[in-house]
């Protein structure tokens, strides 16, 4: 739910919002680039806009594939990469304090929460989808 709720904040208005992210999407994903162009997404490069659209779609699609157990290993690998990039953007781009592992401080959950996600996704990456997955139904190893 975390990733889907986050992705919904990045979608633009209406059906076209799937391809035209909101201003918030650009600020969340490329904070330093948006600051450099005066918060005008039109001034961003085609590559920058592609990155924002791809990240928004990844945040919607990859968790759905994992829940369905479809292409579980590839989806878990994609999510691991997504979490790595998201963590760098949060810490470097937004200045969020990562905290320390198991420090007990509820205000510094980045390290603990991201470690939990990485562990859970690593299990899926290594073992694949379980018996109740579309991978199993289709006989896929990915």
C-alpha atoms as a PDB file:
ATOM      1  CA  UNK A   1       0.000   0.000   0.000  1.00  0.00           C
ATOM      2  CA  UNK A   2       2.891   2.384   0.729  1.00  0.00           C
ATOM      3  CA  UNK A   3       4.096   2.367  -2.864  1.00  0.00           C
ATOM      4  CA  UNK A   4       0.628   2.590  -4.414  1.00  0.00           C
ATOM      5  CA  UNK A   5      -0.344   5.536  -2.204  1.00  0.00           C
ATOM      6  CA  UNK A   6       2.920   7.226  -3.062  1.00  0.00           C
ATOM      7  CA  UNK A   7       2.418   6.605  -6.787  1.00  0.00           C
ATOM      8  CA  UNK A   8      -1.098   8.045  -6.689  1.00  0.00           C
ATOM      9  CA  UNK A   9       0.349  11.362  -5.475  1.00  0.00           C
ATOM     10  CA  UNK A  10       2.463  11.457  -8.625  1.00  0.00           C
ATOM     11  CA  UNK A  11      -0.272  10.935 -11.206  1.00  0.00           C
ATOM     12  CA  UNK A  12      -1.599  13.918 -13.115  1.00  0.00           C
ATOM     13  CA  UNK A  13      -5.281  14.673 -13.662  1.00  0.00           C
ATOM     14  CA  UNK A  14      -7.577  12.267 -15.485  1.00  0.00           C
ATOM     15  CA  UNK A  15      -6.608   9.387 -17.734  1.00  0.00           C
ATOM     16  CA  UNK A  16      -3.792  11.400 -19.315  1.00  0.00           C
ATOM     17  CA  UNK A  17      -2.275  11.649 -15.833  1.00  0.00           C
ATOM     18  CA  UNK A  18      -0.801   8.211 -16.401  1.00  0.00           C
ATOM     19  CA  UNK A  19       1.597   9.821 -18.889  1.00  0.00           C
ATOM     20  CA  UNK A  20       1.716  13.363 -17.532  1.00  0.00           C
ATOM     21  CA  UNK A  21       2.780  13.250 -13.889  1.00  0.00           C
ATOM     22  CA  UNK A  22       1.852  15.971 -11.434  1.00  0.00           C
ATOM     23  CA  UNK A  23       4.243  18.726 -10.404  1.00  0.00           C
ATOM     24  CA  UNK A  24       4.647  16.869  -7.095  1.00  0.00           C
ATOM     25  CA  UNK A  25       6.025  13.863  -8.973  1.00  0.00           C
ATOM     26  CA  UNK A  26       8.852  15.907 -10.430  1.00  0.00           C
ATOM     27  CA  UNK A  27       9.629  17.511  -7.068  1.00  0.00           C
ATOM     28  CA  UNK A  28       9.583  14.155  -5.255  1.00  0.00           C
ATOM     29  CA  UNK A  29      11.720  12.276  -7.772  1.00  0.00           C
ATOM     30  CA  UNK A  30      14.103  14.973  -9.045  1.00  0.00           C
ATOM     31  CA  UNK A  31      14.200  17.624  -6.301  1.00  0.00           C
ATOM     32  CA  UNK A  32      17.581  19.119  -7.229  1.00  0.00           C
ATOM     33  CA  UNK A  33      16.734  19.268 -10.953  1.00  0.00           C
ATOM     34  CA  UNK A  34      13.395  20.956 -10.251  1.00  0.00           C
ATOM     35  CA  UNK A  35      15.100  23.533  -8.073  1.00  0.00           C
ATOM     36  CA  UNK A  36      17.612  24.188 -10.864  1.00  0.00           C
ATOM     37  CA  UNK A  37      14.852  24.891 -13.426  1.00  0.00           C
ATOM     38  CA  UNK A  38      12.728  27.025 -11.105  1.00  0.00           C
ATOM     39  CA  UNK A  39      10.126  24.288 -10.558  1.00  0.00           C
ATOM     40  CA  UNK A  40       9.045  24.369 -14.204  1.00  0.00           C
ATOM     41  CA  UNK A  41       8.777  20.760 -15.486  1.00  0.00           C
ATOM     42  CA  UNK A  42       8.616  21.999 -19.082  1.00  0.00           C
ATOM     43  CA  UNK A  43      12.244  23.132 -18.705  1.00  0.00           C
ATOM     44  CA  UNK A  44      13.387  19.594 -17.847  1.00  0.00           C
ATOM     45  CA  UNK A  45      15.061  17.389 -20.427  1.00  0.00           C
ATOM     46  CA  UNK A  46      13.272  14.532 -22.152  1.00  0.00           C
ATOM     47  CA  UNK A  47      15.381  12.125 -20.090  1.00  0.00           C
ATOM     48  CA  UNK A  48      14.287  13.794 -16.842  1.00  0.00           C
ATOM     49  CA  UNK A  49      10.624  13.529 -17.836  1.00  0.00           C
ATOM     50  CA  UNK A  50      11.110   9.893 -18.865  1.00  0.00           C
ATOM     51  CA  UNK A  51      12.686   9.108 -15.478  1.00  0.00           C
ATOM     52  CA  UNK A  52       9.699  10.582 -13.636  1.00  0.00           C
ATOM     53  CA  UNK A  53       7.145   8.692 -15.745  1.00  0.00           C
ATOM     54  CA  UNK A  54       9.115   5.427 -15.474  1.00  0.00           C
ATOM     55  CA  UNK A  55       9.507   5.775 -11.707  1.00  0.00           C
ATOM     56  CA  UNK A  56       5.789   6.474 -11.294  1.00  0.00           C
ATOM     57  CA  UNK A  57       4.878   3.434 -13.373  1.00  0.00           C
ATOM     58  CA  UNK A  58       7.406   1.268 -11.527  1.00  0.00           C
ATOM     59  CA  UNK A  59       5.867   2.330  -8.231  1.00  0.00           C
ATOM     60  CA  UNK A  60       2.454   1.224  -9.510  1.00  0.00           C
ATOM     61  CA  UNK A  61       3.300  -1.907 -11.490  1.00  0.00           C
ATOM     62  CA  UNK A  62       6.116  -3.661  -9.592  1.00  0.00           C
ATOM     63  CA  UNK A  63       4.218  -4.033  -6.285  1.00  0.00           C
ATOM     64  CA  UNK A  64       1.163  -5.276  -8.202  1.00  0.00           C
ATOM     65  CA  UNK A  65       3.263  -7.925  -9.947  1.00  0.00           C
ATOM     66  CA  UNK A  66       4.671  -9.037  -6.596  1.00  0.00           C
ATOM     67  CA  UNK A  67       1.197  -9.295  -5.044  1.00  0.00           C
ATOM     68  CA  UNK A  68       0.026 -11.365  -8.018  1.00  0.00           C
ATOM     69  CA  UNK A  69       3.183 -13.444  -7.953  1.00  0.00           C
ATOM     70  CA  UNK A  70       3.825 -12.705 -11.623  1.00  0.00           C
ATOM     71  CA  UNK A  71       7.465 -12.338 -12.693  1.00  0.00           C
ATOM     72  CA  UNK A  72       8.189 -12.355  -8.969  1.00  0.00           C
ATOM     73  CA  UNK A  73      11.966 -12.535  -9.156  1.00  0.00           C
ATOM     74  CA  UNK A  74      12.268  -9.795 -11.777  1.00  0.00           C
ATOM     75  CA  UNK A  75       9.759  -7.636  -9.915  1.00  0.00           C
ATOM     76  CA  UNK A  76      11.619  -8.100  -6.631  1.00  0.00           C
ATOM     77  CA  UNK A  77      14.880  -7.146  -8.341  1.00  0.00           C
ATOM     78  CA  UNK A  78      13.205  -4.058  -9.799  1.00  0.00           C
ATOM     79  CA  UNK A  79      11.826  -3.106  -6.389  1.00  0.00           C
ATOM     80  CA  UNK A  80      15.257  -3.523  -4.788  1.00  0.00           C
ATOM     81  CA  UNK A  81      16.674  -1.093  -7.335  1.00  0.00           C
ATOM     82  CA  UNK A  82      13.733   1.234  -6.832  1.00  0.00           C
ATOM     83  CA  UNK A  83      14.255   1.241  -3.052  1.00  0.00           C
ATOM     84  CA  UNK A  84      17.967   1.962  -3.482  1.00  0.00           C
ATOM     85  CA  UNK A  85      17.266   4.956  -5.725  1.00  0.00           C
ATOM     86  CA  UNK A  86      14.404   6.124  -3.497  1.00  0.00           C
ATOM     87  CA  UNK A  87      16.677   6.019  -0.447  1.00  0.00           C
ATOM     88  CA  UNK A  88      19.387   8.062  -2.164  1.00  0.00           C
ATOM     89  CA  UNK A  89      16.837  10.651  -3.319  1.00  0.00           C
ATOM     90  CA  UNK A  90      15.302  10.873   0.164  1.00  0.00           C
ATOM     91  CA  UNK A  91      18.644  11.315   1.920  1.00  0.00           C
ATOM     92  CA  UNK A  92      20.575  13.383  -0.647  1.00  0.00           C
ATOM     93  CA  UNK A  93      17.761  15.182  -2.468  1.00  0.00           C
ATOM     94  CA  UNK A  94      15.341  15.828   0.388  1.00  0.00           C
ATOM     95  CA  UNK A  95      17.754  15.829   3.322  1.00  0.00           C
ATOM     96  CA  UNK A  96      15.851  13.193   5.280  1.00  0.00           C
ATOM     97  CA  UNK A  97      17.814  11.720   8.177  1.00  0.00           C
ATOM     98  CA  UNK A  98      18.213   7.982   7.699  1.00  0.00           C
ATOM     99  CA  UNK A  99      18.545   7.170  11.365  1.00  0.00           C
ATOM    100  CA  UNK A 100      20.356   4.117  12.645  1.00  0.00           C
ATOM    101  CA  UNK A 101      19.257   0.519  12.502  1.00  0.00           C
ATOM    102  CA  UNK A 102      17.198  -0.601  15.477  1.00  0.00           C
ATOM    103  CA  UNK A 103      17.606   2.728  17.263  1.00  0.00           C
ATOM    104  CA  UNK A 104      14.032   2.693  18.590  1.00  0.00           C
ATOM    105  CA  UNK A 105      13.408   6.254  17.414  1.00  0.00           C
ATOM    106  CA  UNK A 106      10.074   6.349  15.537  1.00  0.00           C
ATOM    107  CA  UNK A 107      11.157   9.538  13.757  1.00  0.00           C
ATOM    108  CA  UNK A 108      14.073   7.783  12.039  1.00  0.00           C
ATOM    109  CA  UNK A 109      12.439   4.822  10.366  1.00  0.00           C
ATOM    110  CA  UNK A 110      14.187   4.964   6.999  1.00  0.00           C
ATOM    111  CA  UNK A 111      16.980   2.549   7.886  1.00  0.00           C
ATOM    112  CA  UNK A 112      14.707   0.074   9.691  1.00  0.00           C
ATOM    113  CA  UNK A 113      11.886   0.143   7.159  1.00  0.00           C
ATOM    114  CA  UNK A 114      14.145  -0.069   4.123  1.00  0.00           C
ATOM    115  CA  UNK A 115      16.071  -2.967   5.698  1.00  0.00           C
ATOM    116  CA  UNK A 116      12.783  -4.815   6.215  1.00  0.00           C
ATOM    117  CA  UNK A 117      11.795  -4.227   2.583  1.00  0.00           C
ATOM    118  CA  UNK A 118      15.194  -5.372   1.323  1.00  0.00           C
ATOM    119  CA  UNK A 119      15.045  -8.563   3.395  1.00  0.00           C
ATOM    120  CA  UNK A 120      11.513  -9.424   2.259  1.00  0.00           C
ATOM    121  CA  UNK A 121      12.297  -8.698  -1.394  1.00  0.00           C
ATOM    122  CA  UNK A 122      15.554 -10.659  -1.196  1.00  0.00           C
ATOM    123  CA  UNK A 123      13.598 -13.738  -0.133  1.00  0.00           C
ATOM    124  CA  UNK A 124      11.332 -13.310  -3.164  1.00  0.00           C
ATOM    125  CA  UNK A 125      14.346 -12.757  -5.405  1.00  0.00           C
ATOM    126  CA  UNK A 126      16.016 -15.950  -4.202  1.00  0.00           C
ATOM    127  CA  UNK A 127      12.980 -18.226  -3.869  1.00  0.00           C
ATOM    128  CA  UNK A 128      10.523 -16.769  -6.357  1.00  0.00           C
ATOM    129  CA  UNK A 129       6.770 -16.778  -5.917  1.00  0.00           C
ATOM    130  CA  UNK A 130       5.178 -19.269  -3.580  1.00  0.00           C
ATOM    131  CA  UNK A 131       2.589 -21.927  -4.254  1.00  0.00           C
ATOM    132  CA  UNK A 132      -0.148 -19.284  -4.494  1.00  0.00           C
ATOM    133  CA  UNK A 133       1.323 -17.260  -7.355  1.00  0.00           C
ATOM    134  CA  UNK A 134       0.760 -16.791 -11.052  1.00  0.00           C
ATOM    135  CA  UNK A 135       4.385 -17.792 -11.624  1.00  0.00           C
ATOM    136  CA  UNK A 136       3.583 -21.211 -10.214  1.00  0.00           C
ATOM    137  CA  UNK A 137       0.398 -21.455 -12.270  1.00  0.00           C
ATOM    138  CA  UNK A 138       2.230 -20.608 -15.496  1.00  0.00           C
ATOM    139  CA  UNK A 139       5.360 -22.573 -14.611  1.00  0.00           C
ATOM    140  CA  UNK A 140       7.581 -19.486 -14.784  1.00  0.00           C
ATOM    141  CA  UNK A 141      10.916 -19.258 -12.979  1.00  0.00           C
ATOM    142  CA  UNK A 142      11.084 -15.469 -13.268  1.00  0.00           C
END
